Amino acid sequence: MPSVNIVGGGLAGLAAAAALGSAGFRVDLFESRPFLGGRATSFPVTPGDDDAELIDNCQHVLLRCCVNLLDFYGRLGVADRIHFYREFYFLEPGGRLSKLGRGSLPAPLHLTASFLRMACLSAADKFSIARAMMALMRERGRRRDLDQITMQDWLLQKKQTPHAIDRFWRQVLVSAVNEELDRMAAVHGFQVFWLGMLARADAYEMGVPQVPLRELYSLDAWQKIGAVRIHARSPVDRLLFRDGAATAVETLGESRAADFHICTVPFERLGALAPELGIDTAPFQHSPITGIHVWFDRPVTELPHAALLDRTIQWMFNKGQGRYLQFVVSASRDLLETPRAEVIELALGEAAEFFPRVREAKVEKASVIKEVRATYSASPGMEVLRPDTKTVAPNVFLAGDWTRSGWPATMEGAVRSGYRAAEETCAVAGVPGKFLLPDIA
């Protein structure tokens, strides 16, 4: 069977490896770090101590509409390690709680009853949101300018109230797309709400891994995939070309030949890895995510998660019986230059507004992780610039959440790109292979 080198052990590379391994390819995957998962991974809370508690670099979640990501987890036999929640919790400063969850009505009205009961939104807020939702369903697939305007532009066109924008649209979308509304192309906001909230009654359900992310891709999970060899601590310096096609990868001072090559590296690395591909990544910019991990000496909440309104922190995830909480700030440019001690102080001050027991609790330890290059910035005009899977080299393919996957820069988008690259590899090799699952609607 044909051989393939995959450069990068993030979700895109892992998805391509799982797909091609199941199709009978001989797969060699090269990852520079000692662990897999890319930006969706875990590492010891105490650097250098492999026996220390593993923490995720940031809380990664999925929705039921992420069908390719769920398929990938199924291939690795870890789908049962994802716990799905049917209710979203919205907390206001002071602790007032609102819930959003499915009722008895069919889609797209399945969230209506709980939405109307949300105390954090006024009647005017709800009316404006409902009007915008109807416009979204009406304009989806019809408007041709959604990649040219921001989501903020569109919301203002629809006369959304300030609270509707801040407490509903921003709370959902900034976390989903990792970009602020005034920087985010409206096409991504449309996709999140259509597939995640409206298209199917269970699509909104939020899945949270119940184990550290790294454990989802453990080497044991690859035993049943096929001829897939994982090379950790093996950075690839260059793709080697001859007569317009790639012949090998250069890693650790030696070349490793293969029939096909899939590059899944971040956009800022592609130019040095394979300048022969001639892909212009200059227009791409990063959007960061900050995760704040805090361990208390006592439980401070029973909620499994919550969207925290009107403050810097956007989400809380309960990682350990109310004593270990992870706070998340997406599109966190304002925190990049803030000292870590001040970030922790900010998080604790805001957390106390939502969870009063924080005031009496003692902090046992805390950690701040700033993922500066978390995703590409999904700004207007970028969709047409995202490169396709195929390249000018007939045996080289691209994958990664920044490529043209059909989704924003999410775990689902990364897996989709890996499956697309695997399908193109199969097509050129003359091997049957269909991996990419269609969206739910």
Protein backbone atom coordinates (compact mmCIF):
# COMPACT_ATOMS: atom_id res chain seq x y z
CA MET A 1 0.00 0.00 0.00
CA PRO A 2 1.10 3.61 -0.49
CA SER A 3 2.99 5.47 2.20
CA VAL A 4 2.29 8.93 3.59
CA ASN A 5 4.20 11.31 5.84
CA ILE A 6 2.08 13.58 8.03
CA VAL A 7 3.75 16.65 9.47
CA GLY A 8 2.14 17.71 12.75
CA GLY A 9 0.38 15.86 15.55
CA GLY A 10 -2.51 18.24 16.17
CA LEU A 11 -6.10 17.23 15.51
CA ALA A 12 -5.80 17.74 11.75
CA GLY A 13 -2.77 15.46 11.49
CA LEU A 14 -4.26 12.88 13.85
CA ALA A 15 -7.54 12.80 11.91
CA ALA A 16 -5.69 12.31 8.62
CA ALA A 17 -3.60 9.54 10.19
CA ALA A 18 -6.66 7.75 11.59
CA ALA A 19 -8.45 7.93 8.25
CA LEU A 20 -5.52 6.82 6.10
CA GLY A 21 -4.46 4.13 8.55
CA SER A 22 -7.95 2.63 8.33
CA ALA A 23 -7.68 2.73 4.51
CA GLY A 24 -4.51 0.64 4.55
CA PHE A 25 -1.87 3.34 4.04
CA ARG A 26 1.48 3.10 5.79
CA VAL A 27 1.42 6.28 7.84
CA ASP A 28 4.29 8.04 9.59
CA LEU A 29 3.26 11.04 11.69
CA PHE A 30 5.95 13.44 12.92
CA GLU A 31 5.34 15.68 15.92
CA SER A 32 7.93 18.04 17.36
CA ARG A 33 6.62 17.85 20.92
CA PRO A 34 6.64 14.79 23.21
CA PHE A 35 2.83 14.61 23.19
CA LEU A 36 -0.04 14.77 20.71
CA GLY A 37 -2.97 17.13 20.28
CA GLY A 38 -1.38 20.40 19.17
CA ARG A 39 -3.28 23.23 20.81
CA ALA A 40 -5.89 20.80 22.16
CA THR A 41 -3.64 18.99 24.60
CA SER A 42 -2.53 18.71 28.22
CA PHE A 43 0.71 18.95 30.15
CA PRO A 44 1.88 18.65 33.78
CA VAL A 45 0.87 21.57 35.99
CA THR A 46 4.45 21.43 37.30
CA PRO A 47 6.75 21.73 34.26
CA GLY A 48 9.24 18.90 34.00
CA ASP A 49 7.37 16.66 36.45
CA ASP A 50 5.76 13.90 34.37
CA ASP A 51 3.95 12.59 37.46
CA ALA A 52 2.26 15.93 38.20
CA GLU A 53 -1.44 16.54 37.54
CA LEU A 54 -2.25 17.09 33.88
CA ILE A 55 -4.09 20.27 32.94
CA ASP A 56 -5.48 21.26 29.56
CA ASN A 57 -3.92 24.28 27.92
CA CYS A 58 -7.48 25.59 27.64
CA GLN A 59 -10.90 24.05 28.05
CA HIS A 60 -11.97 22.62 24.70
CA VAL A 61 -15.61 21.75 24.18
CA LEU A 62 -17.70 20.47 21.30
CA LEU A 63 -21.34 20.42 20.30
CA ARG A 64 -23.42 17.54 18.96
CA CYS A 65 -23.21 19.16 15.54
CA CYS A 66 -19.44 18.41 15.46
CA VAL A 67 -20.06 15.14 13.65
CA ASN A 68 -16.54 14.65 12.27
CA LEU A 69 -14.88 15.25 15.61
CA LEU A 70 -17.22 12.71 17.18
CA ASP A 71 -16.40 10.29 14.37
CA PHE A 72 -12.68 10.77 15.06
CA TYR A 73 -13.18 10.09 18.77
CA GLY A 74 -15.12 6.97 17.77
CA ARG A 75 -12.23 5.76 15.61
CA LEU A 76 -9.92 6.08 18.61
CA GLY A 77 -12.44 4.41 20.93
CA VAL A 78 -12.70 7.38 23.28
CA ALA A 79 -16.16 8.76 22.48
CA ASP A 80 -17.41 7.54 25.87
CA ARG A 81 -15.01 9.97 27.58
CA ILE A 82 -17.03 12.97 26.40
CA HIS A 83 -19.89 14.03 28.68
CA PHE A 84 -22.71 16.00 27.09
CA TYR A 85 -24.77 18.61 28.92
CA ARG A 86 -28.31 19.53 27.89
CA GLU A 87 -28.39 22.85 29.74
CA PHE A 88 -26.30 26.00 29.41
CA TYR A 89 -25.99 28.13 32.55
CA PHE A 90 -25.73 31.92 32.36
CA LEU A 91 -24.66 33.71 35.54
CA GLU A 92 -24.94 37.41 36.29
CA PRO A 93 -22.75 39.22 38.81
CA GLY A 94 -24.50 38.62 42.11
CA GLY A 95 -25.25 35.01 41.20
CA ARG A 96 -28.65 35.14 39.44
CA LEU A 97 -28.87 32.06 37.23
CA SER A 98 -30.53 31.60 33.83
CA LYS A 99 -30.75 28.29 32.00
CA LEU A 100 -31.01 27.49 28.31
CA GLY A 101 -32.03 23.98 27.33
CA ARG A 102 -34.26 21.92 25.10
CA GLY A 103 -38.00 21.77 25.55
CA SER A 104 -40.72 19.74 23.85
CA LEU A 105 -40.98 21.80 20.65
CA PRO A 106 -39.21 20.59 17.49
CA ALA A 107 -36.23 22.40 15.95
CA PRO A 108 -35.76 25.28 15.41
CA LEU A 109 -38.11 26.11 18.30
CA HIS A 110 -36.69 23.58 20.77
CA LEU A 111 -34.96 26.22 22.96
CA THR A 112 -37.89 28.65 22.97
CA ALA A 113 -39.42 27.86 26.37
CA SER A 114 -36.17 28.14 28.32
CA PHE A 115 -35.08 31.18 26.30
CA LEU A 116 -38.25 33.03 27.27
CA ARG A 117 -37.54 32.29 30.94
CA MET A 118 -33.96 33.62 30.89
CA ALA A 119 -33.83 36.23 33.64
CA CYS A 120 -30.62 37.79 32.34
CA LEU A 121 -32.47 39.12 29.27
CA SER A 122 -35.31 41.66 29.24
CA ALA A 123 -38.41 41.34 27.11
CA ALA A 124 -36.92 43.85 24.66
CA ASP A 125 -33.70 41.80 24.48
CA LYS A 126 -35.61 38.61 23.76
CA PHE A 127 -37.77 40.23 21.12
CA SER A 128 -34.74 41.60 19.30
CA ILE A 129 -32.94 38.23 19.48
CA ALA A 130 -35.99 36.39 18.16
CA ARG A 131 -36.27 38.86 15.29
CA ALA A 132 -32.57 38.41 14.45
CA MET A 133 -32.89 34.62 14.58
CA MET A 134 -35.66 34.72 12.01
CA ALA A 135 -33.54 37.00 9.85
CA LEU A 136 -30.59 34.64 10.19
CA MET A 137 -32.65 31.69 8.97
CA ARG A 138 -34.05 33.78 6.15
CA GLU A 139 -30.73 35.26 5.01
CA ARG A 140 -28.63 32.13 5.46
CA GLY A 141 -27.52 30.99 2.03
CA ARG A 142 -28.94 34.13 0.36
CA ARG A 143 -26.72 36.99 1.43
CA ARG A 144 -23.43 37.13 -0.43
CA ASP A 145 -21.70 39.69 1.77
CA LEU A 146 -21.47 37.75 5.02
CA ASP A 147 -17.71 37.25 4.67
CA GLN A 148 -17.27 40.96 4.00
CA ILE A 149 -19.03 42.36 7.07
CA THR A 150 -18.52 41.72 10.76
CA MET A 151 -21.01 39.97 12.97
CA GLN A 152 -21.27 43.22 14.89
CA ASP A 153 -22.28 45.00 11.66
CA TRP A 154 -25.02 42.47 11.05
CA LEU A 155 -26.33 42.60 14.63
CA LEU A 156 -26.53 46.38 14.48
CA GLN A 157 -28.35 46.12 11.15
CA LYS A 158 -30.90 43.95 12.97
CA LYS A 159 -31.24 46.55 15.76
CA GLN A 160 -30.10 44.29 18.57
CA THR A 161 -30.23 45.79 22.04
CA PRO A 162 -26.92 46.28 23.90
CA HIS A 163 -27.78 43.54 26.40
CA ALA A 164 -28.82 41.16 23.64
CA ILE A 165 -25.43 41.65 22.01
CA ASP A 166 -23.35 41.46 25.18
CA ARG A 167 -25.22 38.78 27.11
CA PHE A 168 -26.29 36.49 24.29
CA TRP A 169 -24.61 36.89 20.92
CA ARG A 170 -21.15 37.80 22.25
CA GLN A 171 -21.26 35.21 25.01
CA VAL A 172 -21.83 32.39 22.54
CA LEU A 173 -19.89 33.54 19.51
CA VAL A 174 -16.65 34.88 20.97
CA SER A 175 -16.08 31.54 22.68
CA ALA A 176 -17.08 29.53 19.61
CA VAL A 177 -15.02 31.43 17.03
CA ASN A 178 -12.35 32.95 19.33
CA GLU A 179 -12.80 36.43 17.95
CA GLU A 180 -14.58 39.59 18.98
CA LEU A 181 -17.83 40.46 17.22
CA ASP A 182 -16.34 43.56 15.62
CA ARG A 183 -13.50 41.46 14.14
CA MET A 184 -15.46 38.31 13.26
CA ALA A 185 -16.84 37.71 9.77
CA ALA A 186 -20.60 37.35 9.96
CA VAL A 187 -20.49 34.11 7.97
CA HIS A 188 -19.01 32.34 11.00
CA GLY A 189 -21.62 33.69 13.38
CA PHE A 190 -24.33 32.46 11.02
CA GLN A 191 -22.80 29.00 10.89
CA VAL A 192 -22.45 28.67 14.67
CA PHE A 193 -26.06 29.61 15.33
CA TRP A 194 -27.54 27.66 12.44
CA LEU A 195 -25.71 24.37 13.06
CA GLY A 196 -25.26 24.70 16.80
CA MET A 197 -28.59 26.18 17.90
CA LEU A 198 -31.26 25.88 15.24
CA ALA A 199 -30.81 23.04 12.77
CA ARG A 200 -31.40 20.06 15.06
CA ALA A 201 -32.91 19.76 18.52
CA ASP A 202 -29.86 18.16 20.13
CA ALA A 203 -27.17 19.99 18.16
CA TYR A 204 -26.56 22.59 20.89
CA GLU A 205 -25.65 20.01 23.58
CA MET A 206 -22.16 20.73 24.88
CA GLY A 207 -19.61 17.95 25.19
CA VAL A 208 -16.81 18.31 27.71
CA PRO A 209 -13.96 15.75 27.86
CA GLN A 210 -13.91 13.99 31.22
CA VAL A 211 -10.20 13.21 30.99
CA PRO A 212 -7.22 15.43 30.18
CA LEU A 213 -7.17 16.08 26.44
CA ARG A 214 -3.87 14.28 25.98
CA GLU A 215 -5.44 11.02 27.12
CA LEU A 216 -7.86 11.10 24.20
CA TYR A 217 -4.96 10.47 21.80
CA SER A 218 -2.85 8.10 23.88
CA LEU A 219 -0.68 5.66 21.97
CA ASP A 220 -2.89 2.78 23.13
CA ALA A 221 -5.78 4.24 21.13
CA TRP A 222 -3.83 3.82 17.89
CA GLN A 223 -3.34 0.07 18.14
CA LYS A 224 -6.53 -0.76 16.21
CA ILE A 225 -6.16 1.97 13.55
CA GLY A 226 -3.70 0.24 11.23
CA ALA A 227 -0.11 0.84 10.17
CA VAL A 228 0.27 4.22 11.87
CA ARG A 229 3.62 5.07 13.44
CA ILE A 230 3.80 8.10 15.73
CA HIS A 231 7.18 9.86 15.93
CA ALA A 232 7.16 12.21 18.91
CA ARG A 233 10.01 14.66 19.52
CA SER A 234 10.61 14.58 15.76
CA PRO A 235 10.38 18.11 14.33
CA VAL A 236 10.29 18.31 10.55
CA ASP A 237 12.58 21.03 9.22
CA ARG A 238 11.76 20.80 5.52
CA LEU A 239 9.80 19.03 2.87
CA LEU A 240 12.22 17.88 0.18
CA PHE A 241 11.16 18.33 -3.44
CA ARG A 242 12.31 17.03 -6.81
CA ASP A 243 10.71 17.88 -10.17
CA GLY A 244 7.80 19.65 -8.52
CA ALA A 245 6.82 16.81 -6.20
CA ALA A 246 7.75 16.09 -2.59
CA THR A 247 10.04 13.13 -2.01
CA ALA A 248 10.65 13.12 1.73
CA VAL A 249 10.61 15.02 4.99
CA GLU A 250 13.80 16.07 6.71
CA THR A 251 13.72 15.36 10.43
CA LEU A 252 16.46 15.00 13.03
CA GLY A 253 19.13 15.22 10.35
CA GLU A 254 17.76 12.48 8.10
CA SER A 255 15.26 12.24 5.27
CA ARG A 256 12.18 10.01 5.44
CA ALA A 257 10.70 9.21 2.05
CA ALA A 258 7.01 8.60 1.30
CA ASP A 259 4.65 8.57 -1.66
CA PHE A 260 2.45 11.34 -0.23
CA HIS A 261 2.83 14.14 2.28
CA ILE A 262 0.26 16.04 4.37
CA CYS A 263 1.29 19.30 6.04
CA THR A 264 -0.80 20.19 9.08
CA VAL A 265 1.43 22.85 10.61
CA PRO A 266 0.17 26.30 11.68
CA PHE A 267 0.18 28.96 8.99
CA GLU A 268 3.22 30.75 10.44
CA ARG A 269 5.36 27.64 9.92
CA LEU A 270 4.33 26.66 6.42
CA GLY A 271 6.59 29.06 4.53
CA ALA A 272 9.78 27.72 6.11
CA LEU A 273 8.63 24.12 5.83
CA ALA A 274 7.62 24.15 2.15
CA PRO A 275 8.29 27.44 0.34
CA GLU A 276 7.92 25.53 -2.93
CA LEU A 277 4.16 25.48 -2.38
CA GLY A 278 4.02 29.27 -2.82
CA ILE A 279 1.20 29.79 -0.30
CA ASP A 280 0.89 33.35 0.96
CA THR A 281 0.16 33.31 4.68
CA ALA A 282 0.96 36.99 5.26
CA PRO A 283 -2.71 38.07 5.64
CA PHE A 284 -3.31 35.62 8.49
CA GLN A 285 -3.19 36.86 12.08
CA HIS A 286 -3.59 35.13 15.42
CA SER A 287 -6.29 35.43 18.04
CA PRO A 288 -5.29 34.32 21.58
CA ILE A 289 -7.05 32.42 24.36
CA THR A 290 -6.23 32.64 28.05
CA GLY A 291 -7.01 29.87 30.53
CA ILE A 292 -6.84 30.46 34.28
CA HIS A 293 -6.69 27.35 36.47
CA VAL A 294 -7.47 27.77 40.18
CA TRP A 295 -7.50 25.15 42.94
CA PHE A 296 -9.38 26.05 46.16
CA ASP A 297 -9.27 24.38 49.56
CA ARG A 298 -13.04 23.80 49.46
CA PRO A 299 -15.87 23.55 46.90
CA VAL A 300 -17.07 26.95 45.69
CA THR A 301 -19.80 25.89 43.23
CA GLU A 302 -21.89 22.89 42.20
CA LEU A 303 -22.43 24.10 38.63
CA PRO A 304 -20.61 22.02 35.98
CA HIS A 305 -20.03 25.11 33.84
CA ALA A 306 -21.36 28.63 33.41
CA ALA A 307 -21.21 31.58 31.06
CA LEU A 308 -20.17 34.54 33.20
CA LEU A 309 -21.84 37.75 32.05
CA ASP A 310 -20.62 41.35 31.94
CA ARG A 311 -17.04 40.63 32.98
CA THR A 312 -13.66 39.80 31.43
CA ILE A 313 -13.93 36.10 32.20
CA GLN A 314 -16.39 34.49 29.82
CA TRP A 315 -16.74 30.88 31.00
CA MET A 316 -16.17 28.73 34.06
CA PHE A 317 -15.67 24.98 33.92
CA ASN A 318 -15.83 22.85 37.05
CA LYS A 319 -12.89 20.47 36.71
CA GLY A 320 -12.88 18.90 40.16
CA GLN A 321 -15.91 18.79 42.49
CA GLY A 322 -16.11 22.54 42.76
CA ARG A 323 -12.56 22.91 44.08
CA TYR A 324 -10.70 23.10 40.78
CA LEU A 325 -12.15 25.64 38.34
CA GLN A 326 -10.92 26.66 34.94
CA PHE A 327 -11.80 30.14 33.69
CA VAL A 328 -11.59 30.99 29.99
CA VAL A 329 -11.14 34.28 28.16
CA SER A 330 -11.33 33.95 24.37
CA ALA A 331 -9.92 36.59 22.01
CA SER A 332 -7.88 37.69 25.03
CA ARG A 333 -5.62 40.31 23.44
CA ASP A 334 -6.04 42.65 26.41
CA LEU A 335 -4.49 40.06 28.74
CA LEU A 336 -1.38 39.23 26.71
CA GLU A 337 0.79 41.87 28.39
CA THR A 338 -0.84 41.53 31.80
CA PRO A 339 1.41 39.83 34.40
CA ARG A 340 0.19 36.41 35.42
CA ALA A 341 -0.29 37.42 39.05
CA GLU A 342 -2.60 40.22 37.94
CA VAL A 343 -4.55 37.83 35.69
CA ILE A 344 -5.10 35.51 38.67
CA GLU A 345 -6.13 38.45 40.85
CA LEU A 346 -8.59 39.58 38.16
CA ALA A 347 -10.05 36.07 37.87
CA LEU A 348 -10.49 35.67 41.62
CA GLY A 349 -12.08 39.09 41.98
CA GLU A 350 -14.58 38.40 39.23
CA ALA A 351 -15.23 34.82 40.36
CA ALA A 352 -16.22 36.10 43.80
CA GLU A 353 -18.97 38.17 42.18
CA PHE A 354 -20.52 34.99 40.76
CA PHE A 355 -19.59 32.44 43.42
CA PRO A 356 -19.69 34.02 46.91
CA ARG A 357 -17.91 31.04 48.51
CA VAL A 358 -14.74 32.12 46.69
CA ARG A 359 -14.39 34.90 49.29
CA GLU A 360 -13.93 32.43 52.15
CA ALA A 361 -11.94 29.85 50.18
CA LYS A 362 -8.17 29.66 50.20
CA VAL A 363 -6.34 29.37 46.89
CA GLU A 364 -4.06 26.34 47.03
CA LYS A 365 -2.49 26.94 43.64
CA ALA A 366 -3.19 28.71 40.37
CA SER A 367 -1.86 28.66 36.83
CA VAL A 368 -2.31 30.91 33.82
CA ILE A 369 -1.89 29.63 30.26
CA LYS A 370 -1.81 32.19 27.48
CA GLU A 371 -2.25 30.48 24.12
CA VAL A 372 -1.00 33.39 22.04
CA ARG A 373 -1.43 31.56 18.74
CA ALA A 374 -4.64 29.77 19.61
CA THR A 375 -6.43 30.27 16.27
CA TYR A 376 -6.30 32.42 13.19
CA SER A 377 -8.39 35.57 13.33
CA ALA A 378 -11.62 34.88 11.43
CA SER A 379 -11.99 38.45 10.19
CA PRO A 380 -13.94 39.60 7.13
CA GLY A 381 -12.34 38.74 3.82
CA MET A 382 -10.30 35.82 5.17
CA GLU A 383 -12.51 32.97 4.00
CA VAL A 384 -11.46 33.32 0.37
CA LEU A 385 -7.79 33.42 1.44
CA ARG A 386 -7.86 30.14 3.34
CA PRO A 387 -5.92 27.64 1.18
CA ASP A 388 -7.52 24.54 -0.21
CA THR A 389 -6.40 20.99 0.55
CA LYS A 390 -4.72 20.55 -2.83
CA THR A 391 -1.43 22.30 -3.56
CA VAL A 392 0.72 22.89 -6.63
CA ALA A 393 2.61 19.70 -5.76
CA PRO A 394 0.55 16.67 -6.86
CA ASN A 395 1.47 14.59 -3.81
CA VAL A 396 1.33 17.28 -1.10
CA PHE A 397 -1.86 18.21 0.73
CA LEU A 398 -2.69 20.75 3.42
CA ALA A 399 -4.75 20.41 6.57
CA GLY A 400 -5.26 22.50 9.68
CA ASP A 401 -8.02 24.57 11.21
CA TRP A 402 -6.82 27.62 9.25
CA THR A 403 -7.28 25.92 5.87
CA ARG A 404 -10.55 25.87 3.93
CA SER A 405 -12.37 23.25 5.96
CA GLY A 406 -15.87 24.69 5.70
CA TRP A 407 -15.79 25.50 9.42
CA PRO A 408 -14.18 28.16 11.61
CA ALA A 409 -10.95 27.40 13.49
CA THR A 410 -12.40 24.79 15.84
CA MET A 411 -11.65 21.16 16.69
CA GLU A 412 -14.35 20.16 14.21
CA GLY A 413 -12.73 22.33 11.55
CA ALA A 414 -9.34 20.73 12.21
CA VAL A 415 -10.71 17.19 11.92
CA ARG A 416 -12.66 18.08 8.79
CA SER A 417 -9.47 19.38 7.19
CA GLY A 418 -7.62 16.19 8.09
CA TYR A 419 -10.37 14.04 6.60
CA ARG A 420 -10.40 16.18 3.45
CA ALA A 421 -6.64 15.75 3.06
CA ALA A 422 -7.01 12.00 3.56
CA GLU A 423 -9.71 11.82 0.87
CA GLU A 424 -7.56 13.74 -1.62
CA THR A 425 -4.64 11.43 -0.86
CA CYS A 426 -6.82 8.40 -1.50
CA ALA A 427 -8.12 9.88 -4.75
CA VAL A 428 -4.62 10.47 -6.17
CA ALA A 429 -3.42 7.07 -4.94
CA GLY A 430 -6.40 5.29 -6.48
CA VAL A 431 -7.47 3.88 -3.11
CA PRO A 432 -11.14 3.96 -2.02
CA GLY A 433 -11.62 6.36 0.84
CA LYS A 434 -14.53 8.47 2.03
CA PHE A 435 -14.18 9.96 5.50
CA LEU A 436 -15.72 13.43 5.68
CA LEU A 437 -19.24 13.40 7.12
CA PRO A 438 -21.70 16.07 5.91
CA ASP A 439 -22.96 18.76 8.24
CA ILE A 440 -26.21 18.02 10.03
CA ALA A 441 -28.03 20.54 7.82
